[in-house]
Amino acid sequence: MKKILLLCLFSISFSQQLDYSKMSEVEKMTIYNSMKKSPIASGFLEIIPTAGYAYSGNWKRGIIIRFGISAATSIIAGLHVENDIESETSKDAFIGTFILWTGLYGVYDTMNLVSEYNKRLQTQIFGKEISNLGFNLYPFQDGAGISLTYSFN
């Protein structure tokens, strides 16, 4: 009976949506920082085909881009090249170049997907996008001071 009760409590705790409106800004920032993903990490993971897409949550798109386009390129190159020695080396060069460019596009695409995910998460938690540039005014006896900050996230 205890196991069933614990399983019910456990499932209820994960099925509820968080109410961000009742949280303080510090709590919101903590949740955002723990849930956001790194675009640079997704770019490095894309060295392994579709790993960056899996990290960004779009592994189906990664399979289509990395394997579908590469297979189509191989077929097209095979159809348009005759079977002599010079044509074989040009076919291999064509396929290799296209696979390289597909890989570079994959790195670029996964980094953009993760950035979009972070913006959606930020909007969901804070209700608006947070500006990267900020400033504060501090009162002094002789006047005021200003503090400028910029976030590279």
N, C-alpha and C. Protein backbone atom coordinates (compact mmCIF):
# COMPACT_ATOMS: atom_id res chain seq x y z
N MET A 1 0.81 -1.19 0.00
CA MET A 1 0.00 0.00 0.00
C MET A 1 0.87 1.27 0.00
N LYS A 2 1.96 1.22 0.76
CA LYS A 2 2.85 2.37 0.81
C LYS A 2 3.46 2.65 -0.56
N LYS A 3 3.79 1.58 -1.29
CA LYS A 3 4.39 1.76 -2.62
C LYS A 3 3.41 2.43 -3.57
N ILE A 4 2.17 2.04 -3.51
CA ILE A 4 1.16 2.64 -4.38
C ILE A 4 0.97 4.11 -4.05
N LEU A 5 0.91 4.43 -2.76
CA LEU A 5 0.77 5.81 -2.32
C LEU A 5 1.96 6.66 -2.77
N LEU A 6 3.17 6.13 -2.62
CA LEU A 6 4.36 6.86 -3.05
C LEU A 6 4.38 7.05 -4.56
N LEU A 7 3.97 6.05 -5.32
CA LEU A 7 3.90 6.19 -6.77
C LEU A 7 2.88 7.24 -7.19
N CYS A 8 1.73 7.28 -6.50
CA CYS A 8 0.71 8.29 -6.80
C CYS A 8 1.23 9.69 -6.50
N LEU A 9 1.86 9.86 -5.35
CA LEU A 9 2.41 11.17 -5.00
C LEU A 9 3.50 11.58 -5.97
N PHE A 10 4.34 10.63 -6.35
CA PHE A 10 5.42 10.91 -7.29
C PHE A 10 4.87 11.33 -8.65
N SER A 11 3.85 10.65 -9.15
CA SER A 11 3.28 10.99 -10.46
C SER A 11 2.56 12.33 -10.42
N ILE A 12 1.90 12.63 -9.31
CA ILE A 12 1.20 13.91 -9.19
C ILE A 12 2.20 15.06 -9.17
N SER A 13 3.32 14.86 -8.50
CA SER A 13 4.30 15.94 -8.39
C SER A 13 4.91 16.29 -9.74
N PHE A 14 5.02 15.34 -10.66
CA PHE A 14 5.60 15.64 -11.97
C PHE A 14 4.56 16.01 -13.01
N SER A 15 3.30 15.76 -12.76
CA SER A 15 2.28 16.07 -13.76
C SER A 15 1.76 17.49 -13.65
N GLN A 16 2.05 18.17 -12.56
CA GLN A 16 1.56 19.53 -12.39
C GLN A 16 2.48 20.54 -13.06
N GLN A 17 1.88 21.58 -13.62
CA GLN A 17 2.65 22.67 -14.19
C GLN A 17 3.06 23.62 -13.08
N LEU A 18 4.23 24.17 -13.19
CA LEU A 18 4.68 25.14 -12.20
C LEU A 18 3.99 26.47 -12.45
N ASP A 19 3.59 27.13 -11.39
CA ASP A 19 3.01 28.46 -11.49
C ASP A 19 4.13 29.47 -11.26
N TYR A 20 4.66 29.99 -12.36
CA TYR A 20 5.80 30.90 -12.27
C TYR A 20 5.41 32.27 -11.73
N SER A 21 4.13 32.62 -11.79
CA SER A 21 3.71 33.95 -11.36
C SER A 21 3.86 34.14 -9.85
N LYS A 22 3.86 33.05 -9.10
CA LYS A 22 3.97 33.15 -7.65
C LYS A 22 5.42 33.07 -7.16
N MET A 23 6.35 32.96 -8.10
CA MET A 23 7.75 32.82 -7.72
C MET A 23 8.45 34.17 -7.74
N SER A 24 9.50 34.27 -6.94
CA SER A 24 10.31 35.48 -6.96
C SER A 24 11.23 35.44 -8.17
N GLU A 25 11.86 36.57 -8.47
CA GLU A 25 12.76 36.64 -9.62
C GLU A 25 13.97 35.72 -9.44
N VAL A 26 14.42 35.57 -8.21
CA VAL A 26 15.56 34.70 -7.94
C VAL A 26 15.19 33.25 -8.21
N GLU A 27 13.99 32.83 -7.79
CA GLU A 27 13.53 31.47 -8.06
C GLU A 27 13.37 31.23 -9.56
N LYS A 28 12.83 32.23 -10.26
CA LYS A 28 12.67 32.10 -11.71
C LYS A 28 14.02 31.96 -12.39
N MET A 29 15.01 32.77 -11.99
CA MET A 29 16.34 32.69 -12.58
C MET A 29 17.00 31.34 -12.29
N THR A 30 16.78 30.82 -11.08
CA THR A 30 17.35 29.53 -10.73
C THR A 30 16.76 28.43 -11.59
N ILE A 31 15.45 28.45 -11.78
CA ILE A 31 14.80 27.45 -12.63
C ILE A 31 15.25 27.60 -14.07
N TYR A 32 15.32 28.83 -14.56
CA TYR A 32 15.74 29.06 -15.94
C TYR A 32 17.17 28.58 -16.16
N ASN A 33 18.08 28.90 -15.24
CA ASN A 33 19.47 28.49 -15.38
C ASN A 33 19.64 26.98 -15.30
N SER A 34 18.77 26.30 -14.56
CA SER A 34 18.88 24.84 -14.47
C SER A 34 18.26 24.15 -15.69
N MET A 35 17.33 24.81 -16.38
CA MET A 35 16.64 24.19 -17.52
C MET A 35 17.21 24.59 -18.88
N LYS A 36 17.95 25.69 -18.95
CA LYS A 36 18.43 26.14 -20.25
C LYS A 36 19.54 25.21 -20.75
N LYS A 37 19.73 25.23 -22.07
CA LYS A 37 20.73 24.38 -22.70
C LYS A 37 21.79 25.25 -23.36
N SER A 38 22.95 24.68 -23.55
CA SER A 38 24.07 25.42 -24.11
C SER A 38 24.15 25.23 -25.62
N PRO A 39 24.08 26.32 -26.41
CA PRO A 39 24.24 26.20 -27.85
C PRO A 39 25.62 25.68 -28.25
N ILE A 40 26.65 26.04 -27.50
CA ILE A 40 28.00 25.57 -27.82
C ILE A 40 28.11 24.07 -27.62
N ALA A 41 27.48 23.56 -26.56
CA ALA A 41 27.50 22.11 -26.33
C ALA A 41 26.81 21.36 -27.45
N SER A 42 25.70 21.92 -27.96
CA SER A 42 25.00 21.25 -29.06
C SER A 42 25.85 21.25 -30.32
N GLY A 43 26.61 22.32 -30.54
CA GLY A 43 27.50 22.37 -31.69
C GLY A 43 28.61 21.33 -31.60
N PHE A 44 29.21 21.18 -30.41
CA PHE A 44 30.25 20.18 -30.24
C PHE A 44 29.68 18.76 -30.33
N LEU A 45 28.47 18.56 -29.81
CA LEU A 45 27.87 17.23 -29.88
C LEU A 45 27.54 16.82 -31.30
N GLU A 46 27.34 17.79 -32.18
CA GLU A 46 26.99 17.48 -33.56
C GLU A 46 28.16 16.89 -34.33
N ILE A 47 29.34 16.83 -33.72
CA ILE A 47 30.47 16.12 -34.32
C ILE A 47 30.08 14.65 -34.51
N ILE A 48 29.35 14.11 -33.54
CA ILE A 48 28.74 12.79 -33.69
C ILE A 48 27.40 13.03 -34.39
N PRO A 49 27.19 12.44 -35.57
CA PRO A 49 25.97 12.75 -36.34
C PRO A 49 24.70 12.58 -35.52
N THR A 50 23.87 13.60 -35.53
CA THR A 50 22.56 13.74 -34.88
C THR A 50 22.62 13.85 -33.35
N ALA A 51 23.79 13.82 -32.72
CA ALA A 51 23.86 13.96 -31.26
C ALA A 51 23.46 15.37 -30.82
N GLY A 52 23.85 16.37 -31.59
CA GLY A 52 23.45 17.75 -31.27
C GLY A 52 21.95 17.94 -31.41
N TYR A 53 21.36 17.29 -32.41
CA TYR A 53 19.91 17.37 -32.58
C TYR A 53 19.20 16.67 -31.44
N ALA A 54 19.73 15.54 -30.98
CA ALA A 54 19.13 14.85 -29.84
C ALA A 54 19.21 15.73 -28.60
N TYR A 55 20.32 16.43 -28.40
CA TYR A 55 20.47 17.33 -27.26
C TYR A 55 19.45 18.47 -27.33
N SER A 56 19.19 18.96 -28.54
CA SER A 56 18.23 20.06 -28.69
C SER A 56 16.79 19.57 -28.67
N GLY A 57 16.58 18.25 -28.66
CA GLY A 57 15.22 17.71 -28.62
C GLY A 57 14.61 17.53 -30.00
N ASN A 58 15.41 17.58 -31.06
CA ASN A 58 14.91 17.45 -32.43
C ASN A 58 15.67 16.35 -33.18
N TRP A 59 15.72 15.15 -32.61
CA TRP A 59 16.52 14.09 -33.21
C TRP A 59 15.95 13.63 -34.54
N LYS A 60 14.63 13.73 -34.74
CA LYS A 60 14.05 13.34 -36.04
C LYS A 60 14.56 14.25 -37.15
N ARG A 61 14.63 15.53 -36.86
CA ARG A 61 15.16 16.48 -37.83
C ARG A 61 16.62 16.17 -38.15
N GLY A 62 17.38 15.77 -37.14
CA GLY A 62 18.77 15.41 -37.34
C GLY A 62 18.93 14.20 -38.24
N ILE A 63 18.08 13.20 -38.07
CA ILE A 63 18.15 12.01 -38.93
C ILE A 63 17.84 12.40 -40.37
N ILE A 64 16.83 13.22 -40.56
CA ILE A 64 16.46 13.64 -41.91
C ILE A 64 17.59 14.43 -42.55
N ILE A 65 18.15 15.37 -41.83
CA ILE A 65 19.19 16.22 -42.40
C ILE A 65 20.48 15.45 -42.64
N ARG A 66 20.97 14.75 -41.61
CA ARG A 66 22.28 14.12 -41.73
C ARG A 66 22.28 12.90 -42.64
N PHE A 67 21.31 12.03 -42.49
CA PHE A 67 21.34 10.80 -43.24
C PHE A 67 20.52 10.87 -44.52
N GLY A 68 19.39 11.54 -44.47
CA GLY A 68 18.54 11.63 -45.66
C GLY A 68 19.20 12.42 -46.78
N ILE A 69 19.72 13.58 -46.46
CA ILE A 69 20.35 14.41 -47.48
C ILE A 69 21.66 13.78 -47.96
N SER A 70 22.41 13.17 -47.05
CA SER A 70 23.65 12.52 -47.46
C SER A 70 23.38 11.34 -48.38
N ALA A 71 22.36 10.55 -48.08
CA ALA A 71 22.01 9.42 -48.95
C ALA A 71 21.53 9.90 -50.31
N ALA A 72 20.72 10.96 -50.31
CA ALA A 72 20.24 11.50 -51.59
C ALA A 72 21.40 12.04 -52.42
N THR A 73 22.37 12.66 -51.79
CA THR A 73 23.54 13.17 -52.50
C THR A 73 24.34 12.02 -53.11
N SER A 74 24.51 10.95 -52.36
CA SER A 74 25.25 9.80 -52.88
C SER A 74 24.55 9.21 -54.10
N ILE A 75 23.24 9.13 -54.05
CA ILE A 75 22.48 8.58 -55.18
C ILE A 75 22.59 9.49 -56.38
N ILE A 76 22.44 10.80 -56.18
CA ILE A 76 22.53 11.76 -57.29
C ILE A 76 23.93 11.73 -57.90
N ALA A 77 24.95 11.68 -57.06
CA ALA A 77 26.32 11.64 -57.58
C ALA A 77 26.56 10.36 -58.35
N GLY A 78 26.01 9.25 -57.89
CA GLY A 78 26.17 7.98 -58.59
C GLY A 78 25.47 7.96 -59.92
N LEU A 79 24.36 8.65 -60.06
CA LEU A 79 23.62 8.66 -61.32
C LEU A 79 24.27 9.55 -62.36
N HIS A 80 24.94 10.61 -61.94
CA HIS A 80 25.47 11.59 -62.89
C HIS A 80 26.94 11.39 -63.24
N VAL A 81 27.59 10.42 -62.67
CA VAL A 81 29.01 10.22 -62.93
C VAL A 81 29.20 8.89 -63.66
N GLU A 82 29.99 8.93 -64.70
CA GLU A 82 30.27 7.70 -65.44
C GLU A 82 31.25 6.84 -64.67
N ASN A 83 31.51 5.65 -65.14
CA ASN A 83 32.30 4.68 -64.40
C ASN A 83 33.78 4.67 -64.80
N ASP A 84 34.39 5.78 -65.04
CA ASP A 84 35.83 5.78 -65.26
C ASP A 84 36.55 6.28 -64.01
N ILE A 85 37.87 6.19 -63.99
CA ILE A 85 38.64 6.47 -62.78
C ILE A 85 38.54 7.93 -62.35
N GLU A 86 38.64 8.87 -63.28
CA GLU A 86 38.55 10.29 -62.92
C GLU A 86 37.17 10.64 -62.39
N SER A 87 36.14 10.03 -62.94
CA SER A 87 34.79 10.30 -62.48
C SER A 87 34.57 9.77 -61.07
N GLU A 88 35.18 8.63 -60.76
CA GLU A 88 35.03 8.06 -59.41
C GLU A 88 35.65 8.98 -58.36
N THR A 89 36.83 9.54 -58.66
CA THR A 89 37.45 10.44 -57.68
C THR A 89 36.66 11.74 -57.56
N SER A 90 36.10 12.24 -58.67
CA SER A 90 35.29 13.45 -58.57
C SER A 90 33.98 13.17 -57.83
N LYS A 91 33.44 11.96 -58.01
CA LYS A 91 32.22 11.58 -57.28
C LYS A 91 32.50 11.52 -55.79
N ASP A 92 33.61 10.90 -55.42
CA ASP A 92 33.97 10.83 -54.00
C ASP A 92 34.21 12.21 -53.41
N ALA A 93 34.86 13.07 -54.18
CA ALA A 93 35.11 14.44 -53.71
C ALA A 93 33.79 15.19 -53.54
N PHE A 94 32.88 15.01 -54.48
CA PHE A 94 31.57 15.66 -54.41
C PHE A 94 30.81 15.20 -53.18
N ILE A 95 30.78 13.89 -52.96
CA ILE A 95 30.06 13.34 -51.80
C ILE A 95 30.71 13.81 -50.50
N GLY A 96 32.03 13.76 -50.43
CA GLY A 96 32.72 14.19 -49.21
C GLY A 96 32.50 15.65 -48.90
N THR A 97 32.54 16.49 -49.94
CA THR A 97 32.32 17.92 -49.75
C THR A 97 30.89 18.18 -49.27
N PHE A 98 29.94 17.50 -49.87
CA PHE A 98 28.56 17.72 -49.49
C PHE A 98 28.29 17.24 -48.06
N ILE A 99 28.87 16.11 -47.69
CA ILE A 99 28.70 15.62 -46.32
C ILE A 99 29.34 16.58 -45.32
N LEU A 100 30.49 17.15 -45.68
CA LEU A 100 31.13 18.14 -44.81
C LEU A 100 30.23 19.36 -44.63
N TRP A 101 29.68 19.88 -45.73
CA TRP A 101 28.80 21.05 -45.62
C TRP A 101 27.52 20.72 -44.87
N THR A 102 27.01 19.51 -45.03
CA THR A 102 25.83 19.09 -44.27
C THR A 102 26.16 19.06 -42.78
N GLY A 103 27.36 18.59 -42.44
CA GLY A 103 27.78 18.57 -41.03
C GLY A 103 27.91 19.97 -40.46
N LEU A 104 28.50 20.88 -41.24
CA LEU A 104 28.63 22.26 -40.77
C LEU A 104 27.26 22.91 -40.61
N TYR A 105 26.35 22.62 -41.54
CA TYR A 105 24.99 23.13 -41.39
C TYR A 105 24.34 22.55 -40.15
N GLY A 106 24.61 21.29 -39.85
CA GLY A 106 24.06 20.66 -38.65
C GLY A 106 24.51 21.36 -37.39
N VAL A 107 25.79 21.75 -37.33
CA VAL A 107 26.30 22.48 -36.16
C VAL A 107 25.58 23.81 -36.03
N TYR A 108 25.49 24.54 -37.15
CA TYR A 108 24.80 25.84 -37.15
C TYR A 108 23.33 25.68 -36.76
N ASP A 109 22.66 24.67 -37.32
CA ASP A 109 21.23 24.47 -37.08
C ASP A 109 20.95 24.09 -35.63
N THR A 110 21.76 23.19 -35.06
CA THR A 110 21.52 22.80 -33.67
C THR A 110 21.76 23.96 -32.71
N MET A 111 22.75 24.79 -33.00
CA MET A 111 22.98 25.96 -32.15
C MET A 111 21.79 26.92 -32.20
N ASN A 112 21.20 27.11 -33.39
CA ASN A 112 20.01 27.95 -33.50
C ASN A 112 18.81 27.33 -32.81
N LEU A 113 18.64 26.00 -32.92
CA LEU A 113 17.52 25.34 -32.26
C LEU A 113 17.60 25.48 -30.75
N VAL A 114 18.79 25.34 -30.19
CA VAL A 114 18.96 25.48 -28.74
C VAL A 114 18.72 26.93 -28.31
N SER A 115 19.16 27.89 -29.11
CA SER A 115 18.90 29.30 -28.79
C SER A 115 17.41 29.61 -28.81
N GLU A 116 16.69 29.06 -29.78
CA GLU A 116 15.24 29.23 -29.83
C GLU A 116 14.57 28.58 -28.62
N TYR A 117 15.04 27.39 -28.23
CA TYR A 117 14.50 26.71 -27.05
C TYR A 117 14.70 27.59 -25.81
N ASN A 118 15.89 28.16 -25.66
CA ASN A 118 16.16 29.02 -24.51
C ASN A 118 15.26 30.26 -24.50
N LYS A 119 15.00 30.85 -25.66
CA LYS A 119 14.11 32.01 -25.73
C LYS A 119 12.68 31.64 -25.36
N ARG A 120 12.21 30.47 -25.85
CA ARG A 120 10.85 30.02 -25.49
C ARG A 120 10.76 29.76 -23.99
N LEU A 121 11.78 29.13 -23.43
CA LEU A 121 11.79 28.85 -21.99
C LEU A 121 11.80 30.14 -21.19
N GLN A 122 12.58 31.10 -21.63
CA GLN A 122 12.65 32.39 -20.95
C GLN A 122 11.29 33.09 -20.98
N THR A 123 10.63 33.06 -22.13
CA THR A 123 9.32 33.69 -22.25
C THR A 123 8.30 32.96 -21.38
N GLN A 124 8.39 31.63 -21.32
CA GLN A 124 7.46 30.85 -20.51
C GLN A 124 7.64 31.15 -19.02
N ILE A 125 8.86 31.26 -18.56
CA ILE A 125 9.10 31.47 -17.14
C ILE A 125 8.89 32.93 -16.74
N PHE A 126 9.46 33.86 -17.49
CA PHE A 126 9.42 35.26 -17.09
C PHE A 126 8.26 36.03 -17.72
N GLY A 127 7.64 35.49 -18.75
CA GLY A 127 6.55 36.19 -19.41
C GLY A 127 7.01 37.20 -20.43
N LYS A 128 8.30 37.42 -20.52
CA LYS A 128 8.88 38.36 -21.47
C LYS A 128 10.34 38.00 -21.64
N GLU A 129 10.94 38.54 -22.70
CA GLU A 129 12.36 38.32 -22.88
C GLU A 129 13.15 39.27 -21.99
N ILE A 130 14.20 38.74 -21.40
CA ILE A 130 15.05 39.56 -20.54
C ILE A 130 16.10 40.22 -21.41
N SER A 131 16.29 41.50 -21.21
CA SER A 131 17.28 42.24 -21.98
C SER A 131 18.69 41.84 -21.54
N ASN A 132 19.59 41.75 -22.48
CA ASN A 132 20.98 41.44 -22.15
C ASN A 132 21.71 42.64 -21.57
N LEU A 133 21.21 43.82 -21.84
CA LEU A 133 21.84 45.05 -21.37
C LEU A 133 21.03 45.61 -20.21
N GLY A 134 21.70 45.98 -19.15
CA GLY A 134 21.01 46.55 -18.00
C GLY A 134 21.83 47.64 -17.36
N PHE A 135 21.16 48.50 -16.63
CA PHE A 135 21.88 49.54 -15.91
C PHE A 135 21.14 49.86 -14.63
N ASN A 136 21.87 50.34 -13.65
CA ASN A 136 21.33 50.74 -12.37
C ASN A 136 21.90 52.10 -11.99
N LEU A 137 21.07 52.90 -11.36
CA LEU A 137 21.51 54.18 -10.82
C LEU A 137 21.66 54.06 -9.32
N TYR A 138 22.79 54.57 -8.79
CA TYR A 138 23.05 54.52 -7.36
C TYR A 138 23.18 55.94 -6.84
N PRO A 139 22.41 56.30 -5.81
CA PRO A 139 22.53 57.66 -5.26
C PRO A 139 23.78 57.77 -4.38
N PHE A 140 24.49 58.87 -4.52
CA PHE A 140 25.62 59.22 -3.68
C PHE A 140 25.36 60.59 -3.08
N GLN A 141 26.20 61.00 -2.12
CA GLN A 141 26.05 62.32 -1.53
C GLN A 141 26.29 63.41 -2.56
N ASP A 142 27.26 63.18 -3.43
CA ASP A 142 27.64 64.21 -4.40
C ASP A 142 26.91 64.09 -5.72
N GLY A 143 26.04 63.14 -5.87
CA GLY A 143 25.36 62.94 -7.15
C GLY A 143 24.87 61.51 -7.28
N ALA A 144 25.01 60.96 -8.48
CA ALA A 144 24.54 59.60 -8.74
C ALA A 144 25.61 58.83 -9.49
N GLY A 145 25.61 57.53 -9.31
CA GLY A 145 26.51 56.65 -10.04
C GLY A 145 25.68 55.72 -10.91
N ILE A 146 26.29 55.24 -11.97
CA ILE A 146 25.59 54.34 -12.88
C ILE A 146 26.41 53.07 -13.04
N SER A 147 25.71 51.95 -13.12
CA SER A 147 26.35 50.66 -13.30
C SER A 147 25.75 50.02 -14.55
N LEU A 148 26.58 49.69 -15.53
CA LEU A 148 26.13 49.04 -16.76
C LEU A 148 26.54 47.58 -16.73
N THR A 149 25.61 46.70 -17.14
CA THR A 149 25.90 45.26 -17.19
C THR A 149 25.44 44.70 -18.53
N TYR A 150 26.13 43.66 -18.98
CA TYR A 150 25.76 42.98 -20.21
C TYR A 150 25.91 41.49 -19.98
N SER A 151 24.88 40.72 -20.35
CA SER A 151 24.90 39.27 -20.20
C SER A 151 25.20 38.64 -21.55
N PHE A 152 26.17 37.73 -21.60
CA PHE A 152 26.56 37.07 -22.83
C PHE A 152 25.79 35.77 -23.05
N ASN A 153 24.79 35.47 -22.25
CA ASN A 153 24.01 34.23 -22.38
C ASN A 153 23.11 34.26 -23.56
